[in-house]
């Protein structure tokens, strides 16, 4: 009987690269691929699309960086999807965020004087009784004076755009005239709408934009 030769296809580039991996890496790759498939099936059609995209990316990475590097990358990605790992990452992020908030609050509170840190000058709830207007203005005037000391000496960069006292008085009067204005109701505040539109037009002209 005459034997018929069976053509053996040439191995692909990926097969050649995989053949150089140790058995432990091949087992890990199989486990990762299986986990990817299971995660994708749980997410439905969008998960399958994400799986195919991930596999194509892994192939590109394997060709460029080698299967081991791509294997480690996707191993970390899958590890981040596990409930235990996600919970631990979320807890660590929460701890870091809380620490940043505490550090920022401590740094900002150092700028306050001792009186501002007392319970009498700390208001976290609406007061049961109305406060004296003169007392409020006196306190705010004192706080404003202390804040001016932080920037009036010229040691602030980009925080204060104009330090002229007369100009500040003019701004205060202008703001006071429209302190109750609500631009969301142009039928009640048509002149606020007019001034806002003109300011926008000025900025468009300044940056050489179209006025139409």
Protein backbone atom coordinates (compact mmCIF):
# COMPACT_ATOMS: atom_id res chain seq x y z
CA UNK A 1 0.00 0.00 0.00
CA UNK A 2 1.17 3.43 -0.90
CA UNK A 3 1.41 5.91 1.96
CA UNK A 4 -0.01 9.39 1.43
CA UNK A 5 2.17 12.12 2.93
CA UNK A 6 0.29 14.37 5.31
CA UNK A 7 1.39 18.00 5.09
CA UNK A 8 2.52 19.41 8.39
CA UNK A 9 1.85 23.11 8.72
CA UNK A 10 4.71 25.33 9.70
CA UNK A 11 4.50 26.55 13.28
CA UNK A 12 3.49 30.15 13.70
CA UNK A 13 5.57 32.80 15.38
CA UNK A 14 3.46 32.56 18.54
CA UNK A 15 3.87 28.78 18.65
CA UNK A 16 7.61 29.16 18.36
CA UNK A 17 7.63 31.64 21.24
CA UNK A 18 5.38 29.46 23.39
CA UNK A 19 7.59 26.43 22.80
CA UNK A 20 10.42 28.23 24.58
CA UNK A 21 8.39 28.70 27.77
CA UNK A 22 8.91 26.38 30.73
CA UNK A 23 6.00 24.10 31.66
CA UNK A 24 5.10 26.22 34.69
CA UNK A 25 4.56 29.25 32.46
CA UNK A 26 2.41 27.25 30.08
CA UNK A 27 0.24 26.05 32.97
CA UNK A 28 -0.08 29.60 34.26
CA UNK A 29 -0.99 30.85 30.78
CA UNK A 30 -3.68 28.20 30.43
CA UNK A 31 -5.11 29.11 33.82
CA UNK A 32 -5.13 32.81 32.97
CA UNK A 33 -6.83 32.21 29.64
CA UNK A 34 -9.47 30.06 31.30
CA UNK A 35 -10.09 32.74 33.92
CA UNK A 36 -10.40 35.37 31.20
CA UNK A 37 -12.97 33.30 29.35
CA UNK A 38 -15.03 32.68 32.50
CA UNK A 39 -14.98 36.37 33.45
CA UNK A 40 -16.00 37.35 29.94
CA UNK A 41 -18.88 34.86 29.84
CA UNK A 42 -20.23 36.31 33.08
CA UNK A 43 -20.30 39.79 31.54
CA UNK A 44 -22.23 38.76 28.42
CA UNK A 45 -21.56 39.97 24.84
CA UNK A 46 -19.54 42.96 26.03
CA UNK A 47 -17.30 40.58 27.97
CA UNK A 48 -16.64 38.44 24.89
CA UNK A 49 -15.71 41.52 22.91
CA UNK A 50 -13.37 42.60 25.69
CA UNK A 51 -11.88 39.09 25.75
CA UNK A 52 -11.10 39.09 22.04
CA UNK A 53 -9.57 42.53 22.34
CA UNK A 54 -7.46 41.41 25.30
CA UNK A 55 -6.25 38.32 23.45
CA UNK A 56 -5.25 40.36 20.42
CA UNK A 57 -3.39 42.77 22.67
CA UNK A 58 -1.67 39.88 24.45
CA UNK A 59 -0.50 38.51 21.11
CA UNK A 60 0.93 41.90 20.13
CA UNK A 61 2.67 42.21 23.47
CA UNK A 62 4.01 38.68 23.17
CA UNK A 63 5.56 39.47 19.83
CA UNK A 64 7.09 42.71 21.07
CA UNK A 65 8.08 41.97 24.68
CA UNK A 66 7.89 38.20 24.89
CA UNK A 67 5.23 35.86 26.32
CA UNK A 68 6.59 36.07 29.87
CA UNK A 69 6.16 39.84 30.10
CA UNK A 70 2.68 39.67 28.61
CA UNK A 71 1.82 36.81 30.96
CA UNK A 72 2.84 38.83 34.01
CA UNK A 73 0.85 41.85 32.80
CA UNK A 74 -2.37 39.92 32.27
CA UNK A 75 -1.82 37.96 35.44
CA UNK A 76 -1.91 41.24 37.35
CA UNK A 77 -5.00 42.36 35.45
CA UNK A 78 -6.88 39.19 36.32
CA UNK A 79 -5.68 39.35 39.92
CA UNK A 80 -7.19 42.83 40.18
CA UNK A 81 -10.56 41.43 39.06
CA UNK A 82 -10.73 38.90 41.88
CA UNK A 83 -13.12 39.92 44.70
CA UNK A 84 -10.51 39.57 47.44
CA UNK A 85 -7.96 41.63 45.51
CA UNK A 86 -10.50 44.29 44.55
CA UNK A 87 -11.58 44.59 48.18
CA UNK A 88 -8.01 44.93 49.38
CA UNK A 89 -7.17 47.55 46.73
CA UNK A 90 -10.30 49.52 47.61
CA UNK A 91 -9.43 49.42 51.33
CA UNK A 92 -5.88 50.59 50.68
CA UNK A 93 -7.11 53.42 48.45
CA UNK A 94 -9.59 54.48 51.13
CA UNK A 95 -6.82 54.51 53.73
CA UNK A 96 -4.57 56.61 51.47
CA UNK A 97 -7.38 59.05 50.72
CA UNK A 98 -8.29 59.44 54.39
CA UNK A 99 -4.64 60.02 55.26
CA UNK A 100 -4.36 62.71 52.57
CA UNK A 101 -7.49 64.43 53.89
CA UNK A 102 -6.18 64.36 57.46
CA UNK A 103 -2.79 65.75 56.39
CA UNK A 104 -4.42 68.50 54.32
CA UNK A 105 -6.76 69.49 57.16
CA UNK A 106 -3.88 69.59 59.63
CA UNK A 107 -1.79 71.73 57.28
CA UNK A 108 -4.65 74.16 56.60
CA UNK A 109 -5.64 74.40 60.26
CA UNK A 110 -2.11 75.48 61.11
CA UNK A 111 -2.82 78.71 59.21
CA UNK A 112 -5.68 79.58 61.58
CA UNK A 113 -5.19 81.39 64.85
CA UNK A 114 -6.10 79.76 68.15
CA UNK A 115 -9.40 81.64 68.43
CA UNK A 116 -10.65 80.31 65.08
CA UNK A 117 -10.07 76.76 66.30
CA UNK A 118 -12.25 77.14 69.37
CA UNK A 119 -15.77 75.76 69.62
CA UNK A 120 -17.20 79.30 69.76
CA UNK A 121 -15.90 80.09 66.27
CA UNK A 122 -16.56 76.65 64.79
CA UNK A 123 -20.01 76.25 63.24
CA UNK A 124 -20.91 72.81 61.88
CA UNK A 125 -24.69 73.17 62.30
CA UNK A 126 -27.25 75.91 61.87
CA UNK A 127 -27.39 77.95 65.10
CA UNK A 128 -30.51 77.73 67.21
CA UNK A 129 -30.48 81.51 67.71
CA UNK A 130 -29.65 84.28 65.29
CA UNK A 131 -26.24 85.88 65.60
CA UNK A 132 -25.53 89.55 66.08
CA UNK A 133 -24.87 91.20 62.72
CA UNK A 134 -22.28 93.57 64.11
CA UNK A 135 -20.49 90.66 65.74
CA UNK A 136 -20.45 88.74 62.46
CA UNK A 137 -19.08 91.73 60.55
CA UNK A 138 -16.44 92.29 63.22
CA UNK A 139 -15.34 88.65 63.02
CA UNK A 140 -15.29 88.61 59.22
CA UNK A 141 -13.34 91.87 59.14
CA UNK A 142 -10.74 90.36 61.46
CA UNK A 143 -10.47 87.22 59.34
CA UNK A 144 -10.16 89.31 56.18
CA UNK A 145 -7.35 91.33 57.74
CA UNK A 146 -5.43 88.20 58.71
CA UNK A 147 -5.85 86.73 55.23
CA UNK A 148 -4.54 89.91 53.67
CA UNK A 149 -1.39 89.51 55.72
CA UNK A 150 -0.76 86.18 53.94
CA UNK A 151 -0.72 87.68 50.45
CA UNK A 152 -0.38 91.45 50.72
CA UNK A 153 3.38 91.24 51.16
CA UNK A 154 3.75 90.05 47.56
CA UNK A 155 4.79 86.48 48.37
CA UNK A 156 1.81 84.88 46.60
CA UNK A 157 2.03 83.88 42.94
CA UNK A 158 -1.09 83.55 40.76
CA UNK A 159 -3.55 83.71 43.68
CA UNK A 160 -4.41 87.44 43.74
CA UNK A 161 -4.95 89.07 40.36
CA UNK A 162 -5.34 92.66 41.53
CA UNK A 163 -4.31 94.03 44.91
CA UNK A 164 -5.42 97.65 44.55
CA UNK A 165 -7.54 98.72 47.54
CA UNK A 166 -9.74 101.18 45.64
CA UNK A 167 -10.43 98.57 42.99
CA UNK A 168 -11.46 96.10 45.71
CA UNK A 169 -13.89 98.65 47.13
CA UNK A 170 -15.37 99.16 43.68
CA UNK A 171 -15.77 95.39 43.20
CA UNK A 172 -17.47 95.07 46.57
CA UNK A 173 -20.01 97.73 45.67
CA UNK A 174 -20.65 96.19 42.25
CA UNK A 175 -21.13 92.70 43.70
CA UNK A 176 -23.40 94.06 46.41
CA UNK A 177 -25.78 95.58 43.87
CA UNK A 178 -26.47 92.13 42.38
CA UNK A 179 -25.95 89.91 45.44
CA UNK A 180 -29.44 88.36 45.09
CA UNK A 181 -29.28 87.94 41.31
CA UNK A 182 -29.90 84.45 39.89
CA UNK A 183 -28.65 84.12 36.28
CA UNK A 184 -30.83 81.01 35.86
CA UNK A 185 -33.84 83.36 35.64
CA UNK A 186 -33.05 85.88 32.88
CA UNK A 187 -36.69 87.03 32.88
CA UNK A 188 -36.12 88.44 36.39
CA UNK A 189 -32.50 89.54 35.88
CA UNK A 190 -32.21 90.65 32.23
CA UNK A 191 -29.23 92.95 32.90
CA UNK A 192 -27.27 90.13 34.50
CA UNK A 193 -27.88 88.10 31.34
CA UNK A 194 -26.73 91.08 29.25
CA UNK A 195 -23.48 91.56 31.19
CA UNK A 196 -22.71 87.83 31.18
CA UNK A 197 -23.22 87.63 27.42
CA UNK A 198 -20.94 90.61 26.89
CA UNK A 199 -18.20 89.09 29.06
CA UNK A 200 -18.40 85.88 27.01
CA UNK A 201 -18.19 87.94 23.80
CA UNK A 202 -15.10 89.73 25.14
CA UNK A 203 -13.37 86.41 25.81
CA UNK A 204 -14.30 85.09 22.34
CA UNK A 205 -12.82 88.21 20.74
CA UNK A 206 -9.74 88.01 22.98
CA UNK A 207 -9.01 84.47 21.79
CA UNK A 208 -9.94 85.29 18.18
CA UNK A 209 -12.99 83.09 18.16
CA UNK A 210 -16.08 83.31 15.99
CA UNK A 211 -18.73 85.76 17.20
CA UNK A 212 -21.58 84.11 15.27
